[in-house]
Amino acid sequence: MSEQQDALEDLESSGVLAALAWADASAYRRTMDDFDPDTGHDQGWVGSTAHRLFVDRLHRVFSTGRHGVDSPEAASAGLDLVAAGLAPGEHRKMPLITPGEVVWSPLTQSPGWRCGDWRFLLTSFVYGESDRIPWPQKSPTKQRVASQGRPTGWQDPHPTLFDQDPGSLAVAFEELRAQDAELDATTLIVAHSIERELGIRELYLGRSRLNRHGEDAWYWKHDLLASNPGSPTAEPIPTSPGPIAGAPEVQDAPVRLRRQSSEGSGERRQAQGQKNK
């Protein structure tokens, strides 16, 4: 079985793939609802705002950050805080993730989470340019992740001297990774984007590749908005709160039965949990 198959099976069975799709839709829906070019909002504002809200939504669904809890028994605390700021009914469509199944696991300054052997970080990219994301121009953390080394059994269909040279920078990065205690899990990238005028989104999960010589930006990637696995597509922002059209894993995800309070109403209970690292 390939690394891609292993990762997708593990993260699908734990609910992470459905959580990523839900969080992305929620974040971009709110971002575009608030977008107002007359106030000076531009594409940069859209990207940075959606990114921050994506992080916030993932904290909610994974019960981490300010929504963290000590145990599943404590998960009923802070119901109003979890629902606050979401569209009406939206929190009821959150996939059910047992607290502790996914843990907060940032890498240096980059927000990240870990589920089993897999860590994932977030990044935004220019819509339509997912295969050409210039990792060498990204942050040192993203460069570091793209330098993890090839997945086991992966062979480049178009090898370059950079890949073949045993004394190359790629090999040096692999040696550094072996000495890096922080890279104790295979780190994946969740890449998100939107075409602002049409409101069409892209969302991918994959293993980034340091493409210093114009190579493809990924060893592998999976379209989290595809109707059928392996069939790339793009999805518009839902016009009303609900699962993303054409994404069965979101539609069929179990709801959080513990979320019983109305959004944005009732007494604010004190949030329990851990602080961000």
C-alpha atoms as a PDB file:
ATOM      1  CA  MET A   1       0.000   0.000   0.000  1.00  0.00           C
ATOM      2  CA  SER A   2       1.294   3.476  -0.876  1.00  0.00           C
ATOM      3  CA  GLU A   3       1.845   6.284   1.590  1.00  0.00           C
ATOM      4  CA  GLN A   4      -1.058   8.151   0.010  1.00  0.00           C
ATOM      5  CA  GLN A   5      -3.428   5.240   0.566  1.00  0.00           C
ATOM      6  CA  ASP A   6      -2.233   4.808   4.140  1.00  0.00           C
ATOM      7  CA  ALA A   7      -2.698   8.494   4.935  1.00  0.00           C
ATOM      8  CA  LEU A   8      -6.125   8.808   3.336  1.00  0.00           C
ATOM      9  CA  GLU A   9      -7.453   5.655   4.984  1.00  0.00           C
ATOM     10  CA  ASP A  10      -6.180   6.663   8.418  1.00  0.00           C
ATOM     11  CA  LEU A  11      -7.420  10.238   8.201  1.00  0.00           C
ATOM     12  CA  GLU A  12     -10.762   9.310   6.680  1.00  0.00           C
ATOM     13  CA  SER A  13     -11.529   6.683   9.325  1.00  0.00           C
ATOM     14  CA  SER A  14     -10.715   9.165  12.103  1.00  0.00           C
ATOM     15  CA  GLY A  15     -12.951  11.847  10.575  1.00  0.00           C
ATOM     16  CA  VAL A  16     -10.126  14.240   9.732  1.00  0.00           C
ATOM     17  CA  LEU A  17     -10.905  14.487   6.010  1.00  0.00           C
ATOM     18  CA  ALA A  18     -14.529  15.378   6.716  1.00  0.00           C
ATOM     19  CA  ALA A  19     -13.390  17.879   9.354  1.00  0.00           C
ATOM     20  CA  LEU A  20     -11.044  19.605   6.899  1.00  0.00           C
ATOM     21  CA  ALA A  21     -13.792  19.941   4.299  1.00  0.00           C
ATOM     22  CA  TRP A  22     -16.271  21.285   6.874  1.00  0.00           C
ATOM     23  CA  ALA A  23     -13.796  23.777   8.326  1.00  0.00           C
ATOM     24  CA  ASP A  24     -12.761  25.057   4.896  1.00  0.00           C
ATOM     25  CA  ALA A  25     -16.357  25.630   3.799  1.00  0.00           C
ATOM     26  CA  SER A  26     -17.232  27.386   7.068  1.00  0.00           C
ATOM     27  CA  ALA A  27     -14.142  29.607   6.983  1.00  0.00           C
ATOM     28  CA  TYR A  28     -14.625  30.757   3.402  1.00  0.00           C
ATOM     29  CA  ARG A  29     -18.372  31.229   3.816  1.00  0.00           C
ATOM     30  CA  ARG A  30     -17.833  33.662   6.678  1.00  0.00           C
ATOM     31  CA  THR A  31     -14.927  35.351   4.914  1.00  0.00           C
ATOM     32  CA  MET A  32     -16.944  36.041   1.777  1.00  0.00           C
ATOM     33  CA  ASP A  33     -19.968  37.141   3.813  1.00  0.00           C
ATOM     34  CA  ASP A  34     -17.761  39.791   5.449  1.00  0.00           C
ATOM     35  CA  PHE A  35     -15.893  40.763   2.276  1.00  0.00           C
ATOM     36  CA  ASP A  36     -16.490  44.406   1.328  1.00  0.00           C
ATOM     37  CA  PRO A  37     -14.240  46.027  -1.281  1.00  0.00           C
ATOM     38  CA  ASP A  38     -15.624  49.453  -0.357  1.00  0.00           C
ATOM     39  CA  THR A  39     -13.876  49.185   3.005  1.00  0.00           C
ATOM     40  CA  GLY A  40     -10.572  48.281   1.359  1.00  0.00           C
ATOM     41  CA  HIS A  41     -10.809  44.492   1.433  1.00  0.00           C
ATOM     42  CA  ASP A  42      -8.820  42.814  -1.324  1.00  0.00           C
ATOM     43  CA  GLN A  43      -7.554  39.354  -2.283  1.00  0.00           C
ATOM     44  CA  GLY A  44      -4.884  39.540   0.393  1.00  0.00           C
ATOM     45  CA  TRP A  45      -7.547  40.204   3.019  1.00  0.00           C
ATOM     46  CA  VAL A  46      -9.569  37.248   1.770  1.00  0.00           C
ATOM     47  CA  GLY A  47      -6.595  34.893   1.943  1.00  0.00           C
ATOM     48  CA  SER A  48      -5.379  35.936   5.396  1.00  0.00           C
ATOM     49  CA  THR A  49      -8.870  36.063   6.910  1.00  0.00           C
ATOM     50  CA  ALA A  50      -9.907  32.673   5.538  1.00  0.00           C
ATOM     51  CA  HIS A  51      -6.649  31.176   6.784  1.00  0.00           C
ATOM     52  CA  ARG A  52      -7.206  32.436  10.336  1.00  0.00           C
ATOM     53  CA  LEU A  53     -10.815  31.255  10.322  1.00  0.00           C
ATOM     54  CA  PHE A  54      -9.732  27.847   8.978  1.00  0.00           C
ATOM     55  CA  VAL A  55      -7.459  27.495  12.014  1.00  0.00           C
ATOM     56  CA  ASP A  56     -10.309  28.580  14.297  1.00  0.00           C
ATOM     57  CA  ARG A  57     -12.753  26.051  12.808  1.00  0.00           C
ATOM     58  CA  LEU A  58     -10.251  23.232  13.167  1.00  0.00           C
ATOM     59  CA  HIS A  59      -9.742  24.105  16.825  1.00  0.00           C
ATOM     60  CA  ARG A  60     -13.509  23.805  17.262  1.00  0.00           C
ATOM     61  CA  VAL A  61     -13.920  20.468  15.536  1.00  0.00           C
ATOM     62  CA  PHE A  62     -10.799  18.896  17.092  1.00  0.00           C
ATOM     63  CA  SER A  63     -11.465  20.359  20.576  1.00  0.00           C
ATOM     64  CA  THR A  64      -8.047  22.016  20.684  1.00  0.00           C
ATOM     65  CA  GLY A  65      -6.786  25.533  21.366  1.00  0.00           C
ATOM     66  CA  ARG A  66      -9.319  27.635  23.251  1.00  0.00           C
ATOM     67  CA  HIS A  67     -11.864  24.883  22.634  1.00  0.00           C
ATOM     68  CA  GLY A  68      -9.673  22.253  24.249  1.00  0.00           C
ATOM     69  CA  VAL A  69     -11.057  19.898  26.895  1.00  0.00           C
ATOM     70  CA  ASP A  70      -9.438  17.550  29.382  1.00  0.00           C
ATOM     71  CA  SER A  71     -11.494  14.481  28.487  1.00  0.00           C
ATOM     72  CA  PRO A  72     -14.470  13.334  26.417  1.00  0.00           C
ATOM     73  CA  GLU A  73     -16.584  13.714  29.562  1.00  0.00           C
ATOM     74  CA  ALA A  74     -15.707  17.415  29.684  1.00  0.00           C
ATOM     75  CA  ALA A  75     -16.631  17.948  26.031  1.00  0.00           C
ATOM     76  CA  SER A  76     -20.094  19.202  26.924  1.00  0.00           C
ATOM     77  CA  ALA A  77     -18.600  22.295  28.545  1.00  0.00           C
ATOM     78  CA  GLY A  78     -18.427  25.540  26.591  1.00  0.00           C
ATOM     79  CA  LEU A  79     -21.240  24.735  24.167  1.00  0.00           C
ATOM     80  CA  ASP A  80     -21.986  28.380  23.460  1.00  0.00           C
ATOM     81  CA  LEU A  81     -18.332  29.142  22.786  1.00  0.00           C
ATOM     82  CA  VAL A  82     -18.148  26.367  20.185  1.00  0.00           C
ATOM     83  CA  ALA A  83     -21.253  27.629  18.407  1.00  0.00           C
ATOM     84  CA  ALA A  84     -20.515  31.348  18.695  1.00  0.00           C
ATOM     85  CA  GLY A  85     -19.709  33.021  15.398  1.00  0.00           C
ATOM     86  CA  LEU A  86     -20.864  30.135  13.214  1.00  0.00           C
ATOM     87  CA  ALA A  87     -23.781  30.330  10.822  1.00  0.00           C
ATOM     88  CA  PRO A  88     -27.103  29.123  12.279  1.00  0.00           C
ATOM     89  CA  GLY A  89     -27.106  25.336  12.495  1.00  0.00           C
ATOM     90  CA  GLU A  90     -23.558  25.097  11.186  1.00  0.00           C
ATOM     91  CA  HIS A  91     -22.041  23.664  14.356  1.00  0.00           C
ATOM     92  CA  ARG A  92     -24.518  20.781  14.253  1.00  0.00           C
ATOM     93  CA  LYS A  93     -22.945  19.636  11.001  1.00  0.00           C
ATOM     94  CA  MET A  94     -19.466  19.410  12.468  1.00  0.00           C
ATOM     95  CA  PRO A  95     -18.055  15.879  12.117  1.00  0.00           C
ATOM     96  CA  LEU A  96     -17.881  14.071  15.440  1.00  0.00           C
ATOM     97  CA  ILE A  97     -14.235  13.859  16.514  1.00  0.00           C
ATOM     98  CA  THR A  98     -13.508  12.408  19.948  1.00  0.00           C
ATOM     99  CA  PRO A  99     -11.410  14.884  21.944  1.00  0.00           C
ATOM    100  CA  GLY A 100      -7.811  13.681  21.943  1.00  0.00           C
ATOM    101  CA  GLU A 101      -8.139  11.829  18.630  1.00  0.00           C
ATOM    102  CA  VAL A 102      -6.487  14.806  16.922  1.00  0.00           C
ATOM    103  CA  VAL A 103      -4.051  16.890  18.961  1.00  0.00           C
ATOM    104  CA  TRP A 104      -2.537  20.339  18.543  1.00  0.00           C
ATOM    105  CA  SER A 105       0.923  19.861  17.019  1.00  0.00           C
ATOM    106  CA  PRO A 106       2.360  23.074  15.534  1.00  0.00           C
ATOM    107  CA  LEU A 107       5.703  23.055  13.797  1.00  0.00           C
ATOM    108  CA  THR A 108       7.713  26.132  14.847  1.00  0.00           C
ATOM    109  CA  GLN A 109       5.326  29.029  14.090  1.00  0.00           C
ATOM    110  CA  SER A 110       3.036  27.108  11.731  1.00  0.00           C
ATOM    111  CA  PRO A 111      -0.338  25.877  13.089  1.00  0.00           C
ATOM    112  CA  GLY A 112      -0.656  22.131  12.842  1.00  0.00           C
ATOM    113  CA  TRP A 113      -2.448  19.086  14.190  1.00  0.00           C
ATOM    114  CA  ARG A 114      -1.495  15.449  14.545  1.00  0.00           C
ATOM    115  CA  CYS A 115      -3.532  12.292  14.173  1.00  0.00           C
ATOM    116  CA  GLY A 116      -1.570   9.112  14.761  1.00  0.00           C
ATOM    117  CA  ASP A 117       1.476   9.065  12.516  1.00  0.00           C
ATOM    118  CA  TRP A 118       0.337  12.069  10.468  1.00  0.00           C
ATOM    119  CA  ARG A 119       0.795  15.768  11.122  1.00  0.00           C
ATOM    120  CA  PHE A 120      -0.793  18.351   8.829  1.00  0.00           C
ATOM    121  CA  LEU A 121      -0.132  22.065   8.391  1.00  0.00           C
ATOM    122  CA  LEU A 122      -2.131  24.667   6.466  1.00  0.00           C
ATOM    123  CA  THR A 123      -1.078  26.843   3.569  1.00  0.00           C
ATOM    124  CA  SER A 124      -2.870  29.084   1.085  1.00  0.00           C
ATOM    125  CA  PHE A 125      -1.994  29.294  -2.606  1.00  0.00           C
ATOM    126  CA  VAL A 126      -2.972  31.133  -5.755  1.00  0.00           C
ATOM    127  CA  TYR A 127      -6.132  29.613  -7.188  1.00  0.00           C
ATOM    128  CA  GLY A 128      -5.397  27.224 -10.071  1.00  0.00           C
ATOM    129  CA  GLU A 129      -1.682  27.030  -9.243  1.00  0.00           C
ATOM    130  CA  SER A 130      -1.626  24.082  -6.827  1.00  0.00           C
ATOM    131  CA  ASP A 131       0.851  22.074  -8.883  1.00  0.00           C
ATOM    132  CA  ARG A 132       3.238  25.026  -9.050  1.00  0.00           C
ATOM    133  CA  ILE A 133       3.315  26.175  -5.437  1.00  0.00           C
ATOM    134  CA  PRO A 134       6.882  27.502  -5.047  1.00  0.00           C
ATOM    135  CA  TRP A 135       7.903  25.826  -1.788  1.00  0.00           C
ATOM    136  CA  PRO A 136      11.447  27.312  -1.890  1.00  0.00           C
ATOM    137  CA  GLN A 137       9.785  30.753  -1.654  1.00  0.00           C
ATOM    138  CA  LYS A 138       7.583  29.782   1.284  1.00  0.00           C
ATOM    139  CA  SER A 139       8.457  30.043   4.959  1.00  0.00           C
ATOM    140  CA  PRO A 140      11.419  28.096   6.361  1.00  0.00           C
ATOM    141  CA  THR A 141       8.927  25.739   8.002  1.00  0.00           C
ATOM    142  CA  LYS A 142       7.171  24.956   4.711  1.00  0.00           C
ATOM    143  CA  GLN A 143      10.556  24.481   3.013  1.00  0.00           C
ATOM    144  CA  ARG A 144      11.545  22.127   5.783  1.00  0.00           C
ATOM    145  CA  VAL A 145       8.376  20.060   5.369  1.00  0.00           C
ATOM    146  CA  ALA A 146       8.857  19.865   1.609  1.00  0.00           C
ATOM    147  CA  SER A 147      12.364  18.526   2.296  1.00  0.00           C
ATOM    148  CA  GLN A 148      11.280  15.475   4.290  1.00  0.00           C
ATOM    149  CA  GLY A 149      12.431  13.112   1.584  1.00  0.00           C
ATOM    150  CA  ARG A 150      10.606  10.870  -0.828  1.00  0.00           C
ATOM    151  CA  PRO A 151       7.752   8.622   0.307  1.00  0.00           C
ATOM    152  CA  THR A 152       8.776   4.977   0.473  1.00  0.00           C
ATOM    153  CA  GLY A 153       8.645   3.401  -2.951  1.00  0.00           C
ATOM    154  CA  TRP A 154       8.108   6.680  -4.786  1.00  0.00           C
ATOM    155  CA  GLN A 155       9.907   7.029  -8.119  1.00  0.00           C
ATOM    156  CA  ASP A 156      10.063  10.247 -10.071  1.00  0.00           C
ATOM    157  CA  PRO A 157       8.762   9.734 -13.616  1.00  0.00           C
ATOM    158  CA  HIS A 158      11.005  12.621 -14.685  1.00  0.00           C
ATOM    159  CA  PRO A 159      14.169  12.394 -12.557  1.00  0.00           C
ATOM    160  CA  THR A 160      16.668  15.245 -12.570  1.00  0.00           C
ATOM    161  CA  LEU A 161      20.336  15.420 -11.691  1.00  0.00           C
ATOM    162  CA  PHE A 162      19.240  17.072  -8.450  1.00  0.00           C
ATOM    163  CA  ASP A 163      17.343  13.910  -7.495  1.00  0.00           C
ATOM    164  CA  GLN A 164      20.054  11.482  -8.641  1.00  0.00           C
ATOM    165  CA  ASP A 165      23.138  13.130  -7.180  1.00  0.00           C
ATOM    166  CA  PRO A 166      23.961  11.384  -3.862  1.00  0.00           C
ATOM    167  CA  GLY A 167      25.663  14.527  -2.641  1.00  0.00           C
ATOM    168  CA  SER A 168      22.760  16.767  -3.570  1.00  0.00           C
ATOM    169  CA  LEU A 169      20.850  19.106  -1.310  1.00  0.00           C
ATOM    170  CA  ALA A 170      17.929  16.651  -1.300  1.00  0.00           C
ATOM    171  CA  VAL A 171      20.045  13.975   0.363  1.00  0.00           C
ATOM    172  CA  ALA A 172      21.388  16.504   2.839  1.00  0.00           C
ATOM    173  CA  PHE A 173      17.844  17.443   3.799  1.00  0.00           C
ATOM    174  CA  GLU A 174      16.949  13.784   4.317  1.00  0.00           C
ATOM    175  CA  GLU A 175      19.914  13.414   6.663  1.00  0.00           C
ATOM    176  CA  LEU A 176      18.836  16.506   8.580  1.00  0.00           C
ATOM    177  CA  ARG A 177      15.340  15.129   8.894  1.00  0.00           C
ATOM    178  CA  ALA A 178      16.655  11.969  10.514  1.00  0.00           C
ATOM    179  CA  GLN A 179      18.233  14.157  13.196  1.00  0.00           C
ATOM    180  CA  ASP A 180      15.175  16.378  13.655  1.00  0.00           C
ATOM    181  CA  ALA A 181      13.107  15.323  16.639  1.00  0.00           C
ATOM    182  CA  GLU A 182      10.276  17.689  15.686  1.00  0.00           C
ATOM    183  CA  LEU A 183       9.671  15.827  12.442  1.00  0.00           C
ATOM    184  CA  ASP A 184       8.650  12.737  14.389  1.00  0.00           C
ATOM    185  CA  ALA A 185       5.623  12.254  12.154  1.00  0.00           C
ATOM    186  CA  THR A 186       5.097  12.426   8.418  1.00  0.00           C
ATOM    187  CA  THR A 187       3.977  16.002   7.869  1.00  0.00           C
ATOM    188  CA  LEU A 188       1.360  16.680   5.211  1.00  0.00           C
ATOM    189  CA  ILE A 189       0.085  19.960   3.819  1.00  0.00           C
ATOM    190  CA  VAL A 190      -3.530  21.117   3.570  1.00  0.00           C
ATOM    191  CA  ALA A 191      -3.593  23.683   0.753  1.00  0.00           C
ATOM    192  CA  HIS A 192      -6.616  25.946   0.299  1.00  0.00           C
ATOM    193  CA  SER A 193      -7.591  28.633  -2.184  1.00  0.00           C
ATOM    194  CA  ILE A 194     -10.530  30.512  -3.699  1.00  0.00           C
ATOM    195  CA  GLU A 195     -11.360  32.274  -6.942  1.00  0.00           C
ATOM    196  CA  ARG A 196     -12.892  35.377  -5.413  1.00  0.00           C
ATOM    197  CA  GLU A 197     -15.040  36.563  -8.324  1.00  0.00           C
ATOM    198  CA  LEU A 198     -16.726  33.179  -8.786  1.00  0.00           C
ATOM    199  CA  GLY A 199     -16.514  32.017  -5.183  1.00  0.00           C
ATOM    200  CA  ILE A 200     -15.012  28.678  -6.242  1.00  0.00           C
ATOM    201  CA  ARG A 201     -12.719  26.917  -3.794  1.00  0.00           C
ATOM    202  CA  GLU A 202      -9.903  24.385  -4.000  1.00  0.00           C
ATOM    203  CA  LEU A 203      -8.755  22.188  -1.121  1.00  0.00           C
ATOM    204  CA  TYR A 204      -5.992  19.580  -1.253  1.00  0.00           C
ATOM    205  CA  LEU A 205      -4.195  17.302   1.172  1.00  0.00           C
ATOM    206  CA  GLY A 206      -0.816  15.993   0.128  1.00  0.00           C
ATOM    207  CA  ARG A 207       2.892  15.510   0.598  1.00  0.00           C
ATOM    208  CA  SER A 208       4.780  18.571  -0.607  1.00  0.00           C
ATOM    209  CA  ARG A 209       7.983  18.314  -2.625  1.00  0.00           C
ATOM    210  CA  LEU A 210      10.804  20.841  -2.626  1.00  0.00           C
ATOM    211  CA  ASN A 211      10.611  21.944  -6.266  1.00  0.00           C
ATOM    212  CA  ARG A 212      13.792  23.979  -6.636  1.00  0.00           C
ATOM    213  CA  HIS A 213      14.165  23.044 -10.302  1.00  0.00           C
ATOM    214  CA  GLY A 214      10.605  23.433 -11.533  1.00  0.00           C
ATOM    215  CA  GLU A 215       9.407  19.982 -10.514  1.00  0.00           C
ATOM    216  CA  ASP A 216       5.823  19.256  -9.545  1.00  0.00           C
ATOM    217  CA  ALA A 217       5.032  20.701  -6.123  1.00  0.00           C
ATOM    218  CA  TRP A 218       3.759  17.377  -4.755  1.00  0.00           C
ATOM    219  CA  TYR A 219       4.801  13.776  -4.359  1.00  0.00           C
ATOM    220  CA  TRP A 220       1.088  13.153  -4.150  1.00  0.00           C
ATOM    221  CA  LYS A 221      -2.044  15.183  -3.428  1.00  0.00           C
ATOM    222  CA  HIS A 222      -5.717  14.414  -2.870  1.00  0.00           C
ATOM    223  CA  ASP A 223      -8.611  16.671  -3.807  1.00  0.00           C
ATOM    224  CA  LEU A 224     -10.756  16.956  -0.677  1.00  0.00           C
ATOM    225  CA  LEU A 225     -13.628  18.521  -2.642  1.00  0.00           C
ATOM    226  CA  ALA A 226     -13.772  15.929  -5.417  1.00  0.00           C
ATOM    227  CA  SER A 227     -17.069  14.129  -5.967  1.00  0.00           C
ATOM    228  CA  ASN A 228     -15.149  10.967  -6.710  1.00  0.00           C
ATOM    229  CA  PRO A 229     -11.753  10.104  -5.218  1.00  0.00           C
ATOM    230  CA  GLY A 230      -9.009  10.941  -7.674  1.00  0.00           C
ATOM    231  CA  SER A 231     -11.240  13.196  -9.778  1.00  0.00           C
ATOM    232  CA  PRO A 232     -10.054  16.808  -9.415  1.00  0.00           C
ATOM    233  CA  THR A 233     -12.776  19.403  -9.192  1.00  0.00           C
ATOM    234  CA  ALA A 234     -13.555  22.701  -7.509  1.00  0.00           C
ATOM    235  CA  GLU A 235     -16.435  23.618  -5.248  1.00  0.00           C
ATOM    236  CA  PRO A 236     -18.287  26.908  -4.790  1.00  0.00           C
ATOM    237  CA  ILE A 237     -19.054  28.273  -1.360  1.00  0.00           C
ATOM    238  CA  PRO A 238     -22.365  26.790  -0.135  1.00  0.00           C
ATOM    239  CA  THR A 239     -25.129  29.372  -0.246  1.00  0.00           C
ATOM    240  CA  SER A 240     -26.628  28.086   2.981  1.00  0.00           C
ATOM    241  CA  PRO A 241     -25.184  26.300   6.009  1.00  0.00           C
ATOM    242  CA  GLY A 242     -24.775  22.641   5.254  1.00  0.00           C
ATOM    243  CA  PRO A 243     -22.462  19.976   3.899  1.00  0.00           C
ATOM    244  CA  ILE A 244     -20.536  20.765   0.739  1.00  0.00           C
ATOM    245  CA  ALA A 245     -22.391  19.564  -2.330  1.00  0.00           C
ATOM    246  CA  GLY A 246     -20.760  16.530  -3.824  1.00  0.00           C
ATOM    247  CA  ALA A 247     -18.754  15.655  -0.710  1.00  0.00           C
ATOM    248  CA  PRO A 248     -20.305  12.478   0.738  1.00  0.00           C
ATOM    249  CA  GLU A 249     -17.869  12.335   3.632  1.00  0.00           C
ATOM    250  CA  VAL A 250     -19.217  15.643   4.934  1.00  0.00           C
ATOM    251  CA  GLN A 251     -22.882  14.867   4.311  1.00  0.00           C
ATOM    252  CA  ASP A 252     -22.675  11.506   6.046  1.00  0.00           C
ATOM    253  CA  ALA A 253     -20.474  12.587   8.933  1.00  0.00           C
ATOM    254  CA  PRO A 254     -22.085  12.025  12.348  1.00  0.00           C
ATOM    255  CA  VAL A 255     -23.136  15.197  14.065  1.00  0.00           C
ATOM    256  CA  ARG A 256     -21.985  16.373  17.460  1.00  0.00           C
ATOM    257  CA  LEU A 257     -24.963  15.312  19.552  1.00  0.00           C
ATOM    258  CA  ARG A 258     -23.440  17.143  22.502  1.00  0.00           C
ATOM    259  CA  ARG A 259     -23.945  20.486  20.754  1.00  0.00           C
ATOM    260  CA  GLN A 260     -27.431  21.199  22.065  1.00  0.00           C
ATOM    261  CA  SER A 261     -27.447  24.949  22.618  1.00  0.00           C
ATOM    262  CA  SER A 262     -28.487  27.587  20.084  1.00  0.00           C
ATOM    263  CA  GLU A 263     -25.715  29.437  18.305  1.00  0.00           C
ATOM    264  CA  GLY A 264     -24.585  32.616  19.956  1.00  0.00           C
ATOM    265  CA  SER A 265     -27.124  32.442  22.821  1.00  0.00           C
ATOM    266  CA  GLY A 266     -27.208  31.432  26.455  1.00  0.00           C
ATOM    267  CA  GLU A 267     -24.668  31.851  29.177  1.00  0.00           C
ATOM    268  CA  ARG A 268     -21.014  31.673  28.176  1.00  0.00           C
ATOM    269  CA  ARG A 269     -19.422  28.836  30.056  1.00  0.00           C
ATOM    270  CA  GLN A 270     -15.808  28.978  30.952  1.00  0.00           C
ATOM    271  CA  ALA A 271     -13.724  27.208  28.253  1.00  0.00           C
ATOM    272  CA  GLN A 272     -11.746  24.291  29.590  1.00  0.00           C
ATOM    273  CA  GLY A 273      -8.606  22.924  27.990  1.00  0.00           C
ATOM    274  CA  GLN A 274      -5.094  23.591  27.136  1.00  0.00           C
ATOM    275  CA  LYS A 275      -3.413  26.670  25.800  1.00  0.00           C
ATOM    276  CA  ASN A 276      -1.806  26.866  22.371  1.00  0.00           C
ATOM    277  CA  LYS A 277       1.877  26.076  22.346  1.00  0.00           C
END
